[in-house]
Each structure stands twice: as C-alpha cells, then as structure tokens.
Amino acid sequence: MRIRNLEEKDWADVEALTRRAFYNIYIPGCVEHYLVHIMRAHADFVPELALVGEEDGQIVGSILYTRARLVDENGAEKPILTFGPICVDPARQRKGLGKALMARSFERAAALGYGGIVIFGDPKNYVSSGFQSAKKYNICRADGKFPAAMLAKELVPHALDGGKWAYYDSPVMNVDMEAAQAFDAALQPMEKKYQPSQEEFYIMSHAFIED
C-alpha cells in the first residue's frame, strides 16, 4: 500500500470509502462520511496529517486528524490531536492497512510537534498501536467521567504527564444528525439495517471506568 497525503481529487472517493466502511456498523446507516465532508473546511482540521492509502491506483484507506485540547484543574491547556474517521475498504480489512496508516501519521504528528493523541474507539483495535486507557493518564471527559472507550497515546514520552486533564475535541465532531441524514439521502441508496455491532457499540460507548 502506498501512503500519501489527501488531495482535493480524492475527496469524493474518501467520502464514498468512509460510507462503505461505516454503514450500519454503529447505527443503521452512518454519519462518518458527512463528518469527512464537513471536516476539511474546519479550522481544527490538520491537512498535513490527512493521509490515504492506495493499492493499484485505488484508495483503500484513509485517516483524518483534528486538533483537540486538554485542560487541567487550574485551567492550563495542552494542545493535542484526535483522529477519525479512520477507515479501510471492507474487502481489505484485518490486513494491517489501518495500522500502517496510523504508524505513518504518528511519525508525522510527532514531527509537527504534537505530544499526544486521544481517541474514542474499541480498545482491541488500538492497544496494539500503543494506545492505553485514558484513565492511566488521568484524562477524563469534561464531566469528570472516564469512558472505557476513551484511549490515549503519547507521541513524546511524558507529554501527557501532569494533573487531571479534561478532554475537549473540536466542535466539528458535534455532528448535526439531521444534516447528516439529508446528506446521506442525496447519495446512492444503501440499505439501513440493524447489526449486532450496533449493540456492541452502545454497550462500549456507555461503559465507564471507576476509581
């Protein structure tokens, strides 16, 4: 797989890839392709870290980053990153392509001066790439809770040291569901249906780690 920066000519292909990869996984349908569509124009988007993977001239993977921040108990802020959506063509998943995209992006992010990344995801997909529970770094949501799906990775040793941190992602992540559904409805129809993965996602996204 050849990894390169996202270009304007790739935009429609990446949206279509994201839609195929996420449809019916977390909800009937998906909103991730709409997030990709609006993310590129947002001030928190990091174009240097927008990467695609190609095989035989076809885009088979994508990873996109936005800026985020940590705020400690005294109000001091630390700029960090979050990524997502990250996706791989369904026919090519579980072959290491996602890990390759992450590894390349981690190198670039560190070179740009970023010290850490916080994401929300299934731990089994990310711990092998160096992510740990965010609670181990004392990183919580703004409400003080520690979601089981909240994961963190240091790009620079000790970059996430300090007191208790509250995590804040970019406002672009607050997707307008009605706008996302309207965007999806204008595309070629795909069947919305229930899958067991949606219940798995509900359970994981509502699970918290206690002290």
C-alpha atoms as a PDB file:
ATOM      1  CA  MET A   1       0.000   0.000   0.000  1.00  0.00           C
ATOM      2  CA  ARG A   2       1.283   3.433  -0.954  1.00  0.00           C
ATOM      3  CA  ILE A   3       0.563   6.097   1.682  1.00  0.00           C
ATOM      4  CA  ARG A   4       0.316   9.739   0.653  1.00  0.00           C
ATOM      5  CA  ASN A   5      -1.386  12.992   1.600  1.00  0.00           C
ATOM      6  CA  LEU A   6      -5.043  13.542   0.834  1.00  0.00           C
ATOM      7  CA  GLU A   7      -5.593  15.688  -2.272  1.00  0.00           C
ATOM      8  CA  GLU A   8      -8.677  17.538  -3.468  1.00  0.00           C
ATOM      9  CA  LYS A   9      -9.188  14.988  -6.232  1.00  0.00           C
ATOM     10  CA  ASP A  10      -9.588  12.318  -3.543  1.00  0.00           C
ATOM     11  CA  TRP A  11     -12.405  13.973  -1.611  1.00  0.00           C
ATOM     12  CA  ALA A  12     -15.351  12.157  -3.194  1.00  0.00           C
ATOM     13  CA  ASP A  13     -13.528   8.805  -3.152  1.00  0.00           C
ATOM     14  CA  VAL A  14     -12.697   9.124   0.547  1.00  0.00           C
ATOM     15  CA  GLU A  15     -16.286  10.048   1.404  1.00  0.00           C
ATOM     16  CA  ALA A  16     -17.541   7.021  -0.540  1.00  0.00           C
ATOM     17  CA  LEU A  17     -14.961   4.753   1.102  1.00  0.00           C
ATOM     18  CA  THR A  18     -15.904   6.042   4.554  1.00  0.00           C
ATOM     19  CA  ARG A  19     -19.578   5.421   3.846  1.00  0.00           C
ATOM     20  CA  ARG A  20     -18.921   1.824   2.757  1.00  0.00           C
ATOM     21  CA  ALA A  21     -16.716   1.162   5.763  1.00  0.00           C
ATOM     22  CA  PHE A  22     -19.094   2.538   8.414  1.00  0.00           C
ATOM     23  CA  TYR A  23     -22.578   1.876   7.059  1.00  0.00           C
ATOM     24  CA  ASN A  24     -24.668   0.026   9.680  1.00  0.00           C
ATOM     25  CA  ILE A  25     -21.661  -0.591  11.932  1.00  0.00           C
ATOM     26  CA  TYR A  26     -22.579   1.750  14.803  1.00  0.00           C
ATOM     27  CA  ILE A  27     -26.101   2.836  13.839  1.00  0.00           C
ATOM     28  CA  PRO A  28     -28.444   1.986  10.959  1.00  0.00           C
ATOM     29  CA  GLY A  29     -26.717   3.956   8.210  1.00  0.00           C
ATOM     30  CA  CYS A  30     -23.809   6.177   9.286  1.00  0.00           C
ATOM     31  CA  VAL A  31     -22.723   9.807   9.694  1.00  0.00           C
ATOM     32  CA  GLU A  32     -18.960   9.410   9.300  1.00  0.00           C
ATOM     33  CA  HIS A  33     -18.928  10.261   5.594  1.00  0.00           C
ATOM     34  CA  TYR A  34     -20.750  13.516   6.365  1.00  0.00           C
ATOM     35  CA  LEU A  35     -18.162  14.290   9.049  1.00  0.00           C
ATOM     36  CA  VAL A  36     -15.432  13.767   6.454  1.00  0.00           C
ATOM     37  CA  HIS A  37     -17.309  16.118   4.138  1.00  0.00           C
ATOM     38  CA  ILE A  38     -17.507  18.997   6.629  1.00  0.00           C
ATOM     39  CA  MET A  39     -14.253  18.392   8.490  1.00  0.00           C
ATOM     40  CA  ARG A  40     -11.964  19.518   5.690  1.00  0.00           C
ATOM     41  CA  ALA A  41     -13.208  23.120   5.843  1.00  0.00           C
ATOM     42  CA  HIS A  42     -12.953  23.421   9.640  1.00  0.00           C
ATOM     43  CA  ALA A  43     -10.176  25.389  11.344  1.00  0.00           C
ATOM     44  CA  ASP A  44      -9.261  22.379  13.502  1.00  0.00           C
ATOM     45  CA  PHE A  45      -8.603  20.093  10.536  1.00  0.00           C
ATOM     46  CA  VAL A  46      -4.905  19.189  10.153  1.00  0.00           C
ATOM     47  CA  PRO A  47      -4.242  18.755   6.412  1.00  0.00           C
ATOM     48  CA  GLU A  48      -0.650  17.626   6.969  1.00  0.00           C
ATOM     49  CA  LEU A  49      -1.999  14.530   8.723  1.00  0.00           C
ATOM     50  CA  ALA A  50      -4.768  13.706   6.245  1.00  0.00           C
ATOM     51  CA  LEU A  51      -3.478  10.511   4.655  1.00  0.00           C
ATOM     52  CA  VAL A  52      -4.808   7.979   2.190  1.00  0.00           C
ATOM     53  CA  GLY A  53      -3.606   4.512   1.265  1.00  0.00           C
ATOM     54  CA  GLU A  54      -3.591   3.356  -2.342  1.00  0.00           C
ATOM     55  CA  GLU A  55      -3.446  -0.089  -3.907  1.00  0.00           C
ATOM     56  CA  ASP A  56      -3.353  -0.419  -7.688  1.00  0.00           C
ATOM     57  CA  GLY A  57      -4.363   3.224  -8.022  1.00  0.00           C
ATOM     58  CA  GLN A  58      -7.442   2.818  -5.822  1.00  0.00           C
ATOM     59  CA  ILE A  59      -7.899   4.461  -2.426  1.00  0.00           C
ATOM     60  CA  VAL A  60      -8.367   1.670   0.105  1.00  0.00           C
ATOM     61  CA  GLY A  61      -7.758   3.506   3.383  1.00  0.00           C
ATOM     62  CA  SER A  62      -7.927   6.931   4.989  1.00  0.00           C
ATOM     63  CA  ILE A  63      -7.093   8.651   8.274  1.00  0.00           C
ATOM     64  CA  LEU A  64      -8.001  12.252   9.184  1.00  0.00           C
ATOM     65  CA  TYR A  65      -6.992  14.357  12.178  1.00  0.00           C
ATOM     66  CA  THR A  66      -8.367  17.356  14.021  1.00  0.00           C
ATOM     67  CA  ARG A  67      -6.891  19.412  16.822  1.00  0.00           C
ATOM     68  CA  ALA A  68      -8.139  18.860  20.352  1.00  0.00           C
ATOM     69  CA  ARG A  69      -7.070  20.048  23.798  1.00  0.00           C
ATOM     70  CA  LEU A  70      -6.621  19.016  27.385  1.00  0.00           C
ATOM     71  CA  VAL A  71      -7.439  21.373  30.238  1.00  0.00           C
ATOM     72  CA  ASP A  72      -6.105  20.790  33.749  1.00  0.00           C
ATOM     73  CA  GLU A  73      -7.711  21.692  37.066  1.00  0.00           C
ATOM     74  CA  ASN A  74      -6.043  25.118  37.022  1.00  0.00           C
ATOM     75  CA  GLY A  75      -7.308  25.958  33.542  1.00  0.00           C
ATOM     76  CA  ALA A  76      -3.981  25.406  31.769  1.00  0.00           C
ATOM     77  CA  GLU A  77      -4.387  23.976  28.270  1.00  0.00           C
ATOM     78  CA  LYS A  78      -2.339  21.441  26.335  1.00  0.00           C
ATOM     79  CA  PRO A  79      -2.882  21.131  22.567  1.00  0.00           C
ATOM     80  CA  ILE A  80      -3.207  17.541  21.360  1.00  0.00           C
ATOM     81  CA  LEU A  81      -4.746  15.630  18.460  1.00  0.00           C
ATOM     82  CA  THR A  82      -7.541  13.225  17.766  1.00  0.00           C
ATOM     83  CA  PHE A  83      -8.076  11.157  14.635  1.00  0.00           C
ATOM     84  CA  GLY A  84     -11.147   9.829  12.951  1.00  0.00           C
ATOM     85  CA  PRO A  85     -12.719   8.685  10.924  1.00  0.00           C
ATOM     86  CA  ILE A  86     -10.062   6.109  10.100  1.00  0.00           C
ATOM     87  CA  CYS A  87     -11.282   3.543   7.622  1.00  0.00           C
ATOM     88  CA  VAL A  88     -10.190   0.714   5.351  1.00  0.00           C
ATOM     89  CA  ASP A  89     -12.127  -0.756   2.457  1.00  0.00           C
ATOM     90  CA  PRO A  90     -14.287  -3.575   3.888  1.00  0.00           C
ATOM     91  CA  ALA A  91     -12.755  -6.103   1.490  1.00  0.00           C
ATOM     92  CA  ARG A  92      -9.243  -5.287   2.749  1.00  0.00           C
ATOM     93  CA  GLN A  93      -9.775  -5.030   6.486  1.00  0.00           C
ATOM     94  CA  ARG A  94      -7.771  -7.050   9.044  1.00  0.00           C
ATOM     95  CA  LYS A  95      -4.669  -6.961   6.842  1.00  0.00           C
ATOM     96  CA  GLY A  96      -2.705  -4.287   8.684  1.00  0.00           C
ATOM     97  CA  LEU A  97      -3.595  -1.370   6.423  1.00  0.00           C
ATOM     98  CA  GLY A  98      -5.154   0.665   9.239  1.00  0.00           C
ATOM     99  CA  LYS A  99      -2.124   0.095  11.448  1.00  0.00           C
ATOM    100  CA  ALA A 100       0.152   1.240   8.636  1.00  0.00           C
ATOM    101  CA  LEU A 101      -1.843   4.460   8.217  1.00  0.00           C
ATOM    102  CA  MET A 102      -1.723   5.095  11.957  1.00  0.00           C
ATOM    103  CA  ALA A 103       2.008   4.424  12.207  1.00  0.00           C
ATOM    104  CA  ARG A 104       2.829   6.841   9.386  1.00  0.00           C
ATOM    105  CA  SER A 105       0.542   9.505  10.850  1.00  0.00           C
ATOM    106  CA  PHE A 106       2.117   9.126  14.315  1.00  0.00           C
ATOM    107  CA  GLU A 107       5.546   9.829  12.850  1.00  0.00           C
ATOM    108  CA  ARG A 108       4.292  12.931  11.078  1.00  0.00           C
ATOM    109  CA  ALA A 109       2.335  14.178  14.098  1.00  0.00           C
ATOM    110  CA  ALA A 110       5.400  13.912  16.328  1.00  0.00           C
ATOM    111  CA  ALA A 111       7.481  15.739  13.713  1.00  0.00           C
ATOM    112  CA  LEU A 112       4.895  18.544  13.736  1.00  0.00           C
ATOM    113  CA  GLY A 113       5.399  18.927  17.469  1.00  0.00           C
ATOM    114  CA  TYR A 114       2.311  17.193  18.856  1.00  0.00           C
ATOM    115  CA  GLY A 115       2.860  15.211  22.036  1.00  0.00           C
ATOM    116  CA  GLY A 116      -0.270  13.108  22.367  1.00  0.00           C
ATOM    117  CA  ILE A 117      -3.450  11.730  20.853  1.00  0.00           C
ATOM    118  CA  VAL A 118      -6.822  10.972  22.453  1.00  0.00           C
ATOM    119  CA  ILE A 119      -9.464   8.952  20.611  1.00  0.00           C
ATOM    120  CA  PHE A 120     -12.688   7.081  21.273  1.00  0.00           C
ATOM    121  CA  GLY A 121     -12.719   3.536  19.973  1.00  0.00           C
ATOM    122  CA  ASP A 122     -12.822  -0.171  20.697  1.00  0.00           C
ATOM    123  CA  PRO A 123      -9.639  -0.895  22.707  1.00  0.00           C
ATOM    124  CA  LYS A 124      -8.999  -4.175  20.874  1.00  0.00           C
ATOM    125  CA  ASN A 125      -8.459  -2.199  17.662  1.00  0.00           C
ATOM    126  CA  TYR A 126      -5.926   0.231  19.110  1.00  0.00           C
ATOM    127  CA  VAL A 127      -3.935  -1.133  22.061  1.00  0.00           C
ATOM    128  CA  SER A 128      -1.529  -2.911  19.698  1.00  0.00           C
ATOM    129  CA  SER A 129      -0.696   0.528  18.241  1.00  0.00           C
ATOM    130  CA  GLY A 130       0.313   1.896  21.637  1.00  0.00           C
ATOM    131  CA  PHE A 131      -2.969   3.248  22.986  1.00  0.00           C
ATOM    132  CA  GLN A 132      -3.889   2.819  26.633  1.00  0.00           C
ATOM    133  CA  SER A 133      -6.927   3.682  28.699  1.00  0.00           C
ATOM    134  CA  ALA A 134      -7.063   7.470  29.025  1.00  0.00           C
ATOM    135  CA  LYS A 135      -7.591   6.939  32.744  1.00  0.00           C
ATOM    136  CA  LYS A 136      -3.983   5.828  33.048  1.00  0.00           C
ATOM    137  CA  TYR A 137      -3.041   9.381  32.056  1.00  0.00           C
ATOM    138  CA  ASN A 138      -5.775  10.830  34.301  1.00  0.00           C
ATOM    139  CA  ILE A 139      -7.646  12.131  31.236  1.00  0.00           C
ATOM    140  CA  CYS A 140     -11.424  12.336  31.642  1.00  0.00           C
ATOM    141  CA  ARG A 141     -14.399  13.878  29.894  1.00  0.00           C
ATOM    142  CA  ALA A 142     -15.488  17.382  30.837  1.00  0.00           C
ATOM    143  CA  ASP A 143     -17.982  15.814  33.279  1.00  0.00           C
ATOM    144  CA  GLY A 144     -15.197  14.015  35.124  1.00  0.00           C
ATOM    145  CA  LYS A 145     -16.068  10.520  33.849  1.00  0.00           C
ATOM    146  CA  PHE A 146     -13.614   8.031  32.344  1.00  0.00           C
ATOM    147  CA  PRO A 147     -15.236   6.249  29.371  1.00  0.00           C
ATOM    148  CA  ALA A 148     -13.939   2.747  28.699  1.00  0.00           C
ATOM    149  CA  ALA A 149     -13.654   3.661  25.016  1.00  0.00           C
ATOM    150  CA  MET A 150     -11.525   6.761  25.689  1.00  0.00           C
ATOM    151  CA  LEU A 151      -7.936   5.943  24.750  1.00  0.00           C
ATOM    152  CA  ALA A 152      -4.701   7.923  24.759  1.00  0.00           C
ATOM    153  CA  LYS A 153      -1.229   7.618  23.270  1.00  0.00           C
ATOM    154  CA  GLU A 154       1.911   9.605  23.968  1.00  0.00           C
ATOM    155  CA  LEU A 155       3.880  10.564  20.875  1.00  0.00           C
ATOM    156  CA  VAL A 156       6.572  12.064  23.089  1.00  0.00           C
ATOM    157  CA  PRO A 157       7.492  10.449  26.439  1.00  0.00           C
ATOM    158  CA  HIS A 158       5.812  12.153  29.402  1.00  0.00           C
ATOM    159  CA  ALA A 159       3.837  14.501  27.124  1.00  0.00           C
ATOM    160  CA  LEU A 160       0.635  13.627  28.977  1.00  0.00           C
ATOM    161  CA  ASP A 161       2.098  13.875  32.470  1.00  0.00           C
ATOM    162  CA  GLY A 162       0.531  16.320  34.871  1.00  0.00           C
ATOM    163  CA  GLY A 163      -2.594  16.542  36.971  1.00  0.00           C
ATOM    164  CA  LYS A 164      -6.086  15.585  35.999  1.00  0.00           C
ATOM    165  CA  TRP A 165      -6.936  16.533  32.435  1.00  0.00           C
ATOM    166  CA  ALA A 166     -10.352  17.169  30.892  1.00  0.00           C
ATOM    167  CA  TYR A 167     -10.559  16.362  27.207  1.00  0.00           C
ATOM    168  CA  TYR A 168     -12.242  18.645  24.658  1.00  0.00           C
ATOM    169  CA  ASP A 169     -12.467  17.751  20.993  1.00  0.00           C
ATOM    170  CA  SER A 170     -13.165  20.036  18.064  1.00  0.00           C
ATOM    171  CA  PRO A 171     -16.691  21.451  17.662  1.00  0.00           C
ATOM    172  CA  VAL A 172     -16.772  19.851  14.210  1.00  0.00           C
ATOM    173  CA  MET A 173     -17.204  16.499  15.949  1.00  0.00           C
ATOM    174  CA  ASN A 174     -20.666  17.537  17.149  1.00  0.00           C
ATOM    175  CA  VAL A 175     -22.398  16.285  14.024  1.00  0.00           C
ATOM    176  CA  ASP A 176     -25.852  17.650  13.191  1.00  0.00           C
ATOM    177  CA  MET A 177     -27.757  14.394  12.726  1.00  0.00           C
ATOM    178  CA  GLU A 178     -30.473  15.908  10.553  1.00  0.00           C
ATOM    179  CA  ALA A 179     -27.883  17.448   8.232  1.00  0.00           C
ATOM    180  CA  ALA A 180     -26.003  14.146   8.108  1.00  0.00           C
ATOM    181  CA  GLN A 181     -29.163  12.234   7.207  1.00  0.00           C
ATOM    182  CA  ALA A 182     -30.035  14.751   4.495  1.00  0.00           C
ATOM    183  CA  PHE A 183     -26.504  14.435   3.077  1.00  0.00           C
ATOM    184  CA  ASP A 184     -26.780  10.657   3.034  1.00  0.00           C
ATOM    185  CA  ALA A 185     -30.248  10.721   1.460  1.00  0.00           C
ATOM    186  CA  ALA A 186     -28.858  12.594  -1.557  1.00  0.00           C
ATOM    187  CA  LEU A 187     -26.439   9.744  -2.314  1.00  0.00           C
ATOM    188  CA  GLN A 188     -26.993   6.392  -3.983  1.00  0.00           C
ATOM    189  CA  PRO A 189     -29.270   4.419  -1.636  1.00  0.00           C
ATOM    190  CA  MET A 190     -27.806   1.858   0.743  1.00  0.00           C
ATOM    191  CA  GLU A 191     -29.956  -0.329   2.965  1.00  0.00           C
ATOM    192  CA  LYS A 192     -30.088   0.775   6.596  1.00  0.00           C
ATOM    193  CA  LYS A 193     -30.374  -2.194   8.913  1.00  0.00           C
ATOM    194  CA  TYR A 194     -29.651  -3.462  12.414  1.00  0.00           C
ATOM    195  CA  GLN A 195     -26.443  -5.385  13.092  1.00  0.00           C
ATOM    196  CA  PRO A 196     -25.108  -6.833  16.364  1.00  0.00           C
ATOM    197  CA  SER A 197     -22.156  -4.442  16.166  1.00  0.00           C
ATOM    198  CA  GLN A 198     -24.572  -1.612  16.954  1.00  0.00           C
ATOM    199  CA  GLU A 199     -25.394  -3.132  20.348  1.00  0.00           C
ATOM    200  CA  GLU A 200     -21.701  -3.736  20.991  1.00  0.00           C
ATOM    201  CA  PHE A 201     -21.054  -0.071  20.240  1.00  0.00           C
ATOM    202  CA  TYR A 202     -23.875   1.028  22.545  1.00  0.00           C
ATOM    203  CA  ILE A 203     -22.502  -1.031  25.416  1.00  0.00           C
ATOM    204  CA  MET A 204     -18.916   0.158  24.917  1.00  0.00           C
ATOM    205  CA  SER A 205     -19.875   3.800  24.494  1.00  0.00           C
ATOM    206  CA  HIS A 206     -21.885   3.739  27.730  1.00  0.00           C
ATOM    207  CA  ALA A 207     -19.273   1.944  29.835  1.00  0.00           C
ATOM    208  CA  PHE A 208     -17.127   3.842  32.334  1.00  0.00           C
ATOM    209  CA  ILE A 209     -14.063   3.031  34.409  1.00  0.00           C
ATOM    210  CA  GLU A 210     -14.494   3.650  38.126  1.00  0.00           C
ATOM    211  CA  ASP A 211     -11.792   4.608  40.603  1.00  0.00           C
END
